[in-house]
Amino acid sequence: MNAQPFSHPVRTGSLPGKRAFAFDLAPGAEERAAVAKALGLLDLPALRFAGELRPVGRKDLELEARLVADAVQPCSVTLAPVPAHVEETVARRYLDDWAEPEGDEVEMPEDDTAEPLPDMIDLGVVAMEALALALPLYPRAEGVDLGEAVFGPPGAAPLRDEDLRPFSGLAALKDKLAKPEGEG
């Protein structure tokens, strides 16, 4: 049993040799609800992932697809529902001769679409990953502001954001130092 809420596995060995494999995935309400839960969404009214896997060279594959989704996220400040519309182009290159970088420190590759060629590509997982990356990290409901942080122990005057500006006193110090001695 697959633990993924939205799964559409494709065995890379069973793909047609020199032709593209087209797909058009639109999960039903139950699968969308499971994806929404997995991604921490309030709702996922629409999700569609369509494109093709095509051979490149002798053994490599290229995925090019379009992700379209309507999602409802909780506001990062108030938890109120915040709708989001996503339209993303998804590109992946699966390379047969992939070599894992070795060493303690590794530079990020310029091509972040390249991955090792697996025996199976789960198009549902690719769609969920693309959706998670495309959604706003900190959605805010319209008109919502973060507000001001106020800190302090009970009975003491609270510290406000305005009081904690580290360079706020420099202007006064500069003016004081600029005045000739004897003035002031």
Foldseek 3Di string as FASTA:
>chain_A
DDPQLAWDKDFLVPDDQADKDWDKDWDDQSSQVRLCVVLQFPGKPTWIKTWIWGDDPHRKIKTWIWIWTWTWHQALAHGPTDIDTDIDIQIAIADQPDDDDDDDDDDDDPDPRYDHHDRMDIVRVSNSVVVSVGDDPHHHDPPDDNDWDWDDDPPDHTDTPVNPDPCPCVVVVVVVVPDDPPDD
